[in-house]
Amino acid sequence: MGFIFSKSMNESMKNQREFMLMSARLQYPVKILFSEVNKLERQLIMQSEMRERQMAMQIAWSREFLKYFGTFFGFAAISLTAGAIKKKKPAFLVPIVPLSFILTYQYDLGYGTLLERMKGEAEDILETEKSKLQLPRGMITFESIEKARKEQSKFFIDK
């Protein structure tokens, strides 16, 4: 009697172990998938945060550069104008033209709407000129990343 009871108990435990193993196999990839998605979301948020910080640094740099270049431009414009009047040679005023373009660009970048216009142009390119933006071999997908990761792990395991 004890033998029959232990035999059915062993069979029941074996079936339960198989069920748990199958269940674990089915759940494990889902857990990995969700953790990978969370990792990717965190990476995307971090990249966005870094991009925003870099843009803020670029704008701050442009504003700081504008202060120094504006001072230089002011001194150069006064000096060149005084030289042109004193020597009666209007050719002294020619360097003011390219310097004024640089000053205007820096002002527009730091305080104007240049970044907004650039963003608008970039959005227009994204909408109308998609073919110029295509990557070789197409878009990177989660599956292609996983395939490369598995191949790389097999490479290191095999050696």
N, C-alpha and C. Protein backbone atom coordinates (compact mmCIF):
# COMPACT_ATOMS: atom_id res chain seq x y z
N MET A 1 0.82 -1.19 0.00
CA MET A 1 0.00 0.00 0.00
C MET A 1 0.86 1.25 0.00
N GLY A 2 1.89 1.25 0.87
CA GLY A 2 2.78 2.40 0.92
C GLY A 2 3.50 2.60 -0.41
N PHE A 3 3.81 1.47 -1.07
CA PHE A 3 4.49 1.55 -2.36
C PHE A 3 3.59 2.19 -3.40
N ILE A 4 2.33 1.84 -3.44
CA ILE A 4 1.38 2.40 -4.41
C ILE A 4 1.18 3.89 -4.14
N PHE A 5 1.06 4.22 -2.84
CA PHE A 5 0.88 5.62 -2.47
C PHE A 5 2.10 6.45 -2.85
N SER A 6 3.31 5.94 -2.59
CA SER A 6 4.52 6.68 -2.92
C SER A 6 4.72 6.76 -4.43
N LYS A 7 4.30 5.72 -5.16
CA LYS A 7 4.41 5.74 -6.62
C LYS A 7 3.51 6.82 -7.21
N SER A 8 2.27 6.90 -6.75
CA SER A 8 1.38 7.95 -7.26
C SER A 8 1.85 9.33 -6.80
N MET A 9 2.42 9.41 -5.61
CA MET A 9 2.94 10.68 -5.11
C MET A 9 4.13 11.14 -5.97
N ASN A 10 5.02 10.20 -6.30
CA ASN A 10 6.17 10.52 -7.16
C ASN A 10 5.71 10.97 -8.53
N GLU A 11 4.71 10.28 -9.07
CA GLU A 11 4.17 10.65 -10.37
C GLU A 11 3.52 12.03 -10.33
N SER A 12 2.79 12.29 -9.25
CA SER A 12 2.16 13.60 -9.08
C SER A 12 3.20 14.70 -8.96
N MET A 13 4.26 14.45 -8.18
CA MET A 13 5.33 15.43 -8.04
C MET A 13 6.06 15.64 -9.36
N LYS A 14 6.26 14.55 -10.12
CA LYS A 14 6.91 14.66 -11.43
C LYS A 14 6.06 15.51 -12.37
N ASN A 15 4.75 15.27 -12.38
CA ASN A 15 3.85 16.09 -13.21
C ASN A 15 3.85 17.56 -12.78
N GLN A 16 3.87 17.76 -11.47
CA GLN A 16 3.89 19.13 -10.96
C GLN A 16 5.20 19.82 -11.34
N ARG A 17 6.33 19.11 -11.23
CA ARG A 17 7.63 19.68 -11.63
C ARG A 17 7.63 20.04 -13.11
N GLU A 18 7.10 19.15 -13.95
CA GLU A 18 7.02 19.44 -15.39
C GLU A 18 6.15 20.66 -15.66
N PHE A 19 5.04 20.73 -14.95
CA PHE A 19 4.16 21.89 -15.10
C PHE A 19 4.86 23.18 -14.70
N MET A 20 5.57 23.14 -13.56
CA MET A 20 6.29 24.34 -13.09
C MET A 20 7.40 24.71 -14.06
N LEU A 21 8.11 23.71 -14.58
CA LEU A 21 9.17 23.97 -15.54
C LEU A 21 8.61 24.60 -16.81
N MET A 22 7.51 24.05 -17.32
CA MET A 22 6.88 24.60 -18.51
C MET A 22 6.37 26.01 -18.23
N SER A 23 5.77 26.20 -17.08
CA SER A 23 5.27 27.51 -16.70
C SER A 23 6.41 28.52 -16.61
N ALA A 24 7.52 28.10 -16.02
CA ALA A 24 8.69 28.99 -15.90
C ALA A 24 9.24 29.35 -17.26
N ARG A 25 9.26 28.37 -18.15
CA ARG A 25 9.75 28.63 -19.52
C ARG A 25 8.87 29.64 -20.24
N LEU A 26 7.58 29.54 -20.01
CA LEU A 26 6.66 30.48 -20.66
C LEU A 26 6.74 31.87 -20.05
N GLN A 27 6.93 31.96 -18.74
CA GLN A 27 6.95 33.26 -18.06
C GLN A 27 8.30 33.94 -18.18
N TYR A 28 9.39 33.19 -18.20
CA TYR A 28 10.72 33.78 -18.19
C TYR A 28 10.98 34.72 -19.36
N PRO A 29 10.66 34.33 -20.62
CA PRO A 29 10.89 35.27 -21.72
C PRO A 29 10.07 36.55 -21.57
N VAL A 30 8.87 36.43 -21.00
CA VAL A 30 8.03 37.62 -20.82
C VAL A 30 8.69 38.56 -19.82
N LYS A 31 9.21 37.98 -18.72
CA LYS A 31 9.89 38.81 -17.72
C LYS A 31 11.11 39.49 -18.34
N ILE A 32 11.86 38.73 -19.14
CA ILE A 32 13.03 39.31 -19.80
C ILE A 32 12.58 40.41 -20.76
N LEU A 33 11.52 40.15 -21.51
CA LEU A 33 11.03 41.13 -22.47
C LEU A 33 10.66 42.42 -21.77
N PHE A 34 9.91 42.32 -20.66
CA PHE A 34 9.51 43.53 -19.94
C PHE A 34 10.71 44.25 -19.34
N SER A 35 11.69 43.50 -18.83
CA SER A 35 12.86 44.17 -18.27
C SER A 35 13.67 44.82 -19.38
N GLU A 36 13.74 44.19 -20.55
CA GLU A 36 14.46 44.79 -21.68
C GLU A 36 13.74 46.05 -22.15
N VAL A 37 12.41 46.00 -22.21
CA VAL A 37 11.64 47.17 -22.62
C VAL A 37 11.86 48.30 -21.62
N ASN A 38 11.85 47.98 -20.32
CA ASN A 38 12.11 49.00 -19.31
C ASN A 38 13.50 49.59 -19.46
N LYS A 39 14.48 48.73 -19.75
CA LYS A 39 15.84 49.23 -19.98
C LYS A 39 15.87 50.17 -21.18
N LEU A 40 15.22 49.77 -22.27
CA LEU A 40 15.20 50.60 -23.46
C LEU A 40 14.50 51.92 -23.20
N GLU A 41 13.39 51.88 -22.44
CA GLU A 41 12.69 53.13 -22.11
C GLU A 41 13.59 54.04 -21.29
N ARG A 42 14.29 53.47 -20.32
CA ARG A 42 15.20 54.27 -19.50
C ARG A 42 16.32 54.86 -20.35
N GLN A 43 16.83 54.06 -21.29
CA GLN A 43 17.89 54.56 -22.17
C GLN A 43 17.37 55.71 -23.03
N LEU A 44 16.16 55.56 -23.56
CA LEU A 44 15.60 56.63 -24.38
C LEU A 44 15.38 57.90 -23.57
N ILE A 45 14.90 57.76 -22.35
CA ILE A 45 14.69 58.92 -21.48
C ILE A 45 16.04 59.58 -21.18
N MET A 46 17.05 58.75 -20.89
CA MET A 46 18.38 59.30 -20.60
C MET A 46 18.96 60.00 -21.82
N GLN A 47 18.81 59.42 -22.99
CA GLN A 47 19.30 60.06 -24.20
C GLN A 47 18.60 61.38 -24.46
N SER A 48 17.30 61.42 -24.23
CA SER A 48 16.55 62.66 -24.41
C SER A 48 17.03 63.71 -23.42
N GLU A 49 17.24 63.31 -22.19
CA GLU A 49 17.73 64.22 -21.16
C GLU A 49 19.11 64.77 -21.53
N MET A 50 19.99 63.90 -22.02
CA MET A 50 21.32 64.32 -22.44
C MET A 50 21.25 65.28 -23.63
N ARG A 51 20.35 65.00 -24.57
CA ARG A 51 20.20 65.87 -25.73
C ARG A 51 19.74 67.25 -25.29
N GLU A 52 18.77 67.30 -24.38
CA GLU A 52 18.28 68.59 -23.88
C GLU A 52 19.38 69.36 -23.18
N ARG A 53 20.19 68.67 -22.39
CA ARG A 53 21.29 69.35 -21.70
C ARG A 53 22.33 69.87 -22.68
N GLN A 54 22.62 69.08 -23.72
CA GLN A 54 23.57 69.52 -24.73
C GLN A 54 23.05 70.75 -25.48
N MET A 55 21.75 70.74 -25.79
CA MET A 55 21.17 71.90 -26.47
C MET A 55 21.22 73.13 -25.56
N ALA A 56 20.94 72.95 -24.28
CA ALA A 56 21.01 74.07 -23.34
C ALA A 56 22.43 74.61 -23.26
N MET A 57 23.41 73.71 -23.28
CA MET A 57 24.81 74.15 -23.25
C MET A 57 25.16 74.90 -24.53
N GLN A 58 24.65 74.44 -25.66
CA GLN A 58 24.93 75.12 -26.92
C GLN A 58 24.33 76.53 -26.92
N ILE A 59 23.12 76.67 -26.43
CA ILE A 59 22.48 77.99 -26.36
C ILE A 59 23.24 78.88 -25.39
N ALA A 60 23.62 78.33 -24.23
CA ALA A 60 24.39 79.11 -23.25
C ALA A 60 25.73 79.55 -23.83
N TRP A 61 26.39 78.63 -24.56
CA TRP A 61 27.67 78.98 -25.18
C TRP A 61 27.47 80.10 -26.19
N SER A 62 26.42 79.99 -26.99
CA SER A 62 26.15 81.01 -28.00
C SER A 62 25.91 82.37 -27.36
N ARG A 63 25.16 82.40 -26.27
CA ARG A 63 24.90 83.67 -25.58
C ARG A 63 26.19 84.25 -24.99
N GLU A 64 27.02 83.38 -24.43
CA GLU A 64 28.29 83.86 -23.87
C GLU A 64 29.20 84.38 -24.98
N PHE A 65 29.27 83.63 -26.08
CA PHE A 65 30.07 84.07 -27.22
C PHE A 65 29.57 85.39 -27.76
N LEU A 66 28.26 85.56 -27.79
CA LEU A 66 27.66 86.80 -28.29
C LEU A 66 28.13 88.00 -27.47
N LYS A 67 28.25 87.85 -26.18
CA LYS A 67 28.72 88.95 -25.32
C LYS A 67 30.12 89.39 -25.73
N TYR A 68 31.01 88.43 -25.88
CA TYR A 68 32.39 88.77 -26.25
C TYR A 68 32.47 89.27 -27.69
N PHE A 69 31.80 88.58 -28.60
CA PHE A 69 31.86 89.00 -29.99
C PHE A 69 31.16 90.34 -30.19
N GLY A 70 30.07 90.58 -29.46
CA GLY A 70 29.39 91.88 -29.54
C GLY A 70 30.30 93.01 -29.11
N THR A 71 31.06 92.78 -28.05
CA THR A 71 32.03 93.79 -27.59
C THR A 71 33.09 94.03 -28.66
N PHE A 72 33.63 92.94 -29.21
CA PHE A 72 34.63 93.07 -30.28
C PHE A 72 34.04 93.81 -31.48
N PHE A 73 32.83 93.43 -31.87
CA PHE A 73 32.18 94.06 -33.02
C PHE A 73 31.98 95.56 -32.77
N GLY A 74 31.55 95.92 -31.58
CA GLY A 74 31.36 97.33 -31.25
C GLY A 74 32.66 98.13 -31.38
N PHE A 75 33.74 97.60 -30.79
CA PHE A 75 35.03 98.29 -30.90
C PHE A 75 35.50 98.35 -32.34
N ALA A 76 35.34 97.23 -33.08
CA ALA A 76 35.78 97.20 -34.48
C ALA A 76 34.97 98.18 -35.33
N ALA A 77 33.66 98.23 -35.12
CA ALA A 77 32.81 99.12 -35.91
C ALA A 77 33.17 100.58 -35.63
N ILE A 78 33.36 100.93 -34.36
CA ILE A 78 33.73 102.33 -34.01
C ILE A 78 35.09 102.67 -34.58
N SER A 79 36.06 101.75 -34.43
CA SER A 79 37.41 102.01 -34.93
C SER A 79 37.43 102.11 -36.46
N LEU A 80 36.76 101.19 -37.13
CA LEU A 80 36.76 101.22 -38.59
C LEU A 80 36.02 102.45 -39.13
N THR A 81 34.93 102.82 -38.46
CA THR A 81 34.19 104.02 -38.89
C THR A 81 35.05 105.25 -38.68
N ALA A 82 35.72 105.33 -37.54
CA ALA A 82 36.61 106.48 -37.27
C ALA A 82 37.75 106.52 -38.29
N GLY A 83 38.31 105.36 -38.62
CA GLY A 83 39.39 105.29 -39.61
C GLY A 83 38.90 105.69 -40.99
N ALA A 84 37.69 105.28 -41.35
CA ALA A 84 37.15 105.62 -42.66
C ALA A 84 36.90 107.12 -42.76
N ILE A 85 36.42 107.72 -41.67
CA ILE A 85 36.16 109.17 -41.68
C ILE A 85 37.48 109.94 -41.70
N LYS A 86 38.41 109.51 -40.85
CA LYS A 86 39.68 110.21 -40.73
C LYS A 86 40.50 110.13 -42.01
N LYS A 87 40.59 108.94 -42.60
CA LYS A 87 41.40 108.74 -43.81
C LYS A 87 40.60 109.02 -45.07
N LYS A 88 39.28 109.21 -44.93
CA LYS A 88 38.39 109.43 -46.06
C LYS A 88 38.46 108.29 -47.07
N LYS A 89 38.47 107.06 -46.50
CA LYS A 89 38.48 105.84 -47.33
C LYS A 89 37.34 104.95 -46.84
N PRO A 90 36.26 104.87 -47.60
CA PRO A 90 35.14 104.03 -47.19
C PRO A 90 35.47 102.53 -47.20
N ALA A 91 36.59 102.14 -47.77
CA ALA A 91 36.99 100.74 -47.81
C ALA A 91 37.21 100.18 -46.41
N PHE A 92 37.48 101.06 -45.46
CA PHE A 92 37.66 100.62 -44.08
C PHE A 92 36.36 100.03 -43.49
N LEU A 93 35.23 100.37 -44.07
CA LEU A 93 33.94 99.90 -43.56
C LEU A 93 33.59 98.48 -44.06
N VAL A 94 34.33 97.97 -45.05
CA VAL A 94 34.01 96.67 -45.65
C VAL A 94 34.04 95.52 -44.62
N PRO A 95 35.02 95.44 -43.70
CA PRO A 95 35.01 94.32 -42.73
C PRO A 95 33.78 94.30 -41.81
N ILE A 96 33.08 95.41 -41.71
CA ILE A 96 31.89 95.45 -40.84
C ILE A 96 30.79 94.53 -41.39
N VAL A 97 30.74 94.38 -42.71
CA VAL A 97 29.67 93.59 -43.33
C VAL A 97 29.74 92.11 -42.90
N PRO A 98 30.86 91.40 -43.11
CA PRO A 98 30.87 90.00 -42.67
C PRO A 98 30.78 89.85 -41.14
N LEU A 99 31.37 90.79 -40.42
CA LEU A 99 31.27 90.73 -38.97
C LEU A 99 29.83 90.91 -38.49
N SER A 100 29.06 91.73 -39.22
CA SER A 100 27.66 91.92 -38.83
C SER A 100 26.84 90.66 -39.09
N PHE A 101 27.20 89.89 -40.14
CA PHE A 101 26.52 88.62 -40.39
C PHE A 101 26.77 87.64 -39.23
N ILE A 102 28.01 87.58 -38.78
CA ILE A 102 28.36 86.69 -37.66
C ILE A 102 27.62 87.12 -36.40
N LEU A 103 27.59 88.42 -36.14
CA LEU A 103 26.91 88.94 -34.97
C LEU A 103 25.40 88.61 -35.03
N THR A 104 24.82 88.82 -36.18
CA THR A 104 23.38 88.54 -36.34
C THR A 104 23.08 87.05 -36.16
N TYR A 105 23.93 86.19 -36.72
CA TYR A 105 23.73 84.75 -36.57
C TYR A 105 23.81 84.35 -35.10
N GLN A 106 24.82 84.85 -34.40
CA GLN A 106 24.97 84.49 -32.99
C GLN A 106 23.81 85.01 -32.15
N TYR A 107 23.34 86.19 -32.45
CA TYR A 107 22.19 86.73 -31.71
C TYR A 107 20.95 85.87 -31.97
N ASP A 108 20.75 85.51 -33.23
CA ASP A 108 19.59 84.70 -33.58
C ASP A 108 19.66 83.33 -32.92
N LEU A 109 20.85 82.76 -32.83
CA LEU A 109 21.02 81.47 -32.20
C LEU A 109 20.78 81.55 -30.69
N GLY A 110 21.27 82.59 -30.06
CA GLY A 110 21.17 82.72 -28.61
C GLY A 110 19.85 83.25 -28.11
N TYR A 111 19.28 84.22 -28.81
CA TYR A 111 18.07 84.87 -28.32
C TYR A 111 16.90 84.86 -29.30
N GLY A 112 17.18 84.52 -30.53
CA GLY A 112 16.14 84.60 -31.56
C GLY A 112 15.45 83.27 -31.79
N THR A 113 14.98 83.11 -32.99
CA THR A 113 14.16 81.94 -33.34
C THR A 113 14.90 80.94 -34.23
N LEU A 114 16.23 81.04 -34.30
CA LEU A 114 16.99 80.16 -35.19
C LEU A 114 16.75 78.68 -34.84
N LEU A 115 16.82 78.33 -33.56
CA LEU A 115 16.62 76.93 -33.19
C LEU A 115 15.21 76.45 -33.53
N GLU A 116 14.23 77.30 -33.38
CA GLU A 116 12.86 76.93 -33.74
C GLU A 116 12.72 76.73 -35.25
N ARG A 117 13.37 77.60 -36.02
CA ARG A 117 13.33 77.44 -37.48
C ARG A 117 14.07 76.17 -37.91
N MET A 118 15.20 75.89 -37.25
CA MET A 118 15.95 74.67 -37.56
C MET A 118 15.11 73.44 -37.21
N LYS A 119 14.42 73.47 -36.09
CA LYS A 119 13.55 72.37 -35.69
C LYS A 119 12.43 72.18 -36.72
N GLY A 120 11.83 73.27 -37.16
CA GLY A 120 10.79 73.20 -38.18
C GLY A 120 11.31 72.61 -39.48
N GLU A 121 12.50 73.02 -39.87
CA GLU A 121 13.11 72.49 -41.09
C GLU A 121 13.40 71.00 -40.94
N ALA A 122 13.89 70.61 -39.78
CA ALA A 122 14.17 69.19 -39.52
C ALA A 122 12.88 68.37 -39.57
N GLU A 123 11.79 68.90 -39.01
CA GLU A 123 10.51 68.20 -39.06
C GLU A 123 10.01 68.08 -40.49
N ASP A 124 10.24 69.12 -41.28
CA ASP A 124 9.84 69.08 -42.70
C ASP A 124 10.64 68.02 -43.44
N ILE A 125 11.94 67.93 -43.15
CA ILE A 125 12.77 66.90 -43.78
C ILE A 125 12.28 65.52 -43.39
N LEU A 126 11.94 65.35 -42.10
CA LEU A 126 11.44 64.06 -41.64
C LEU A 126 10.14 63.67 -42.33
N GLU A 127 9.31 64.64 -42.65
CA GLU A 127 8.02 64.35 -43.28
C GLU A 127 8.14 64.16 -44.78
N THR A 128 8.93 64.98 -45.46
CA THR A 128 8.92 64.97 -46.92
C THR A 128 10.11 64.27 -47.56
N GLU A 129 11.20 64.09 -46.85
CA GLU A 129 12.40 63.52 -47.44
C GLU A 129 12.86 62.27 -46.69
N LYS A 130 11.93 61.38 -46.39
CA LYS A 130 12.22 60.16 -45.62
C LYS A 130 13.31 59.31 -46.26
N SER A 131 13.34 59.25 -47.57
CA SER A 131 14.29 58.36 -48.25
C SER A 131 15.74 58.74 -47.96
N LYS A 132 15.99 60.00 -47.70
CA LYS A 132 17.37 60.44 -47.41
C LYS A 132 17.81 60.04 -46.00
N LEU A 133 16.87 59.65 -45.17
CA LEU A 133 17.17 59.34 -43.79
C LEU A 133 17.27 57.85 -43.49
N GLN A 134 17.05 57.00 -44.50
CA GLN A 134 17.02 55.57 -44.29
C GLN A 134 18.41 55.04 -43.95
N LEU A 135 18.46 54.13 -42.97
CA LEU A 135 19.70 53.48 -42.59
C LEU A 135 19.99 52.32 -43.53
N PRO A 136 21.25 51.98 -43.73
CA PRO A 136 21.53 50.77 -44.50
C PRO A 136 20.95 49.56 -43.75
N ARG A 137 20.40 48.60 -44.46
CA ARG A 137 19.75 47.42 -43.91
C ARG A 137 18.47 47.74 -43.13
N GLY A 138 17.96 48.92 -43.23
CA GLY A 138 16.69 49.26 -42.60
C GLY A 138 16.80 49.63 -41.14
N MET A 139 15.64 49.73 -40.51
CA MET A 139 15.54 50.17 -39.13
C MET A 139 16.04 49.09 -38.17
N ILE A 140 16.70 49.51 -37.12
CA ILE A 140 17.13 48.58 -36.08
C ILE A 140 15.91 48.21 -35.25
N THR A 141 15.73 46.92 -35.02
CA THR A 141 14.59 46.45 -34.25
C THR A 141 15.08 45.74 -32.99
N PHE A 142 14.17 45.53 -32.08
CA PHE A 142 14.49 44.80 -30.86
C PHE A 142 14.94 43.39 -31.21
N GLU A 143 14.30 42.78 -32.19
CA GLU A 143 14.65 41.43 -32.60
C GLU A 143 16.07 41.37 -33.16
N SER A 144 16.46 42.37 -33.96
CA SER A 144 17.81 42.37 -34.52
C SER A 144 18.87 42.57 -33.43
N ILE A 145 18.53 43.36 -32.43
CA ILE A 145 19.46 43.56 -31.31
C ILE A 145 19.60 42.26 -30.52
N GLU A 146 18.46 41.60 -30.26
CA GLU A 146 18.48 40.33 -29.54
C GLU A 146 19.24 39.26 -30.32
N LYS A 147 19.05 39.23 -31.63
CA LYS A 147 19.74 38.25 -32.46
C LYS A 147 21.26 38.46 -32.39
N ALA A 148 21.68 39.72 -32.50
CA ALA A 148 23.10 40.03 -32.41
C ALA A 148 23.65 39.70 -31.03
N ARG A 149 22.86 39.97 -29.99
CA ARG A 149 23.30 39.68 -28.63
C ARG A 149 23.47 38.18 -28.42
N LYS A 150 22.50 37.39 -28.94
CA LYS A 150 22.57 35.94 -28.80
C LYS A 150 23.75 35.37 -29.58
N GLU A 151 23.99 35.90 -30.78
CA GLU A 151 25.13 35.44 -31.56
C GLU A 151 26.43 35.78 -30.86
N GLN A 152 26.49 36.95 -30.27
CA GLN A 152 27.69 37.36 -29.55
C GLN A 152 27.89 36.48 -28.31
N SER A 153 26.81 36.18 -27.60
CA SER A 153 26.94 35.33 -26.41
C SER A 153 27.33 33.91 -26.81
N LYS A 154 26.82 33.40 -27.94
CA LYS A 154 27.24 32.08 -28.43
C LYS A 154 28.73 32.10 -28.78
N PHE A 155 29.20 33.21 -29.35
CA PHE A 155 30.60 33.34 -29.72
C PHE A 155 31.49 33.22 -28.49
N PHE A 156 31.09 33.88 -27.40
CA PHE A 156 31.90 33.84 -26.19
C PHE A 156 31.74 32.52 -25.44
N ILE A 157 30.57 31.90 -25.54
CA ILE A 157 30.35 30.62 -24.87
C ILE A 157 31.11 29.51 -25.58
N ASP A 158 31.12 29.54 -26.92
CA ASP A 158 31.77 28.50 -27.71
C ASP A 158 33.27 28.48 -27.51
N LYS A 159 33.87 29.61 -27.24
CA LYS A 159 35.33 29.66 -27.11
C LYS A 159 35.79 29.15 -25.82
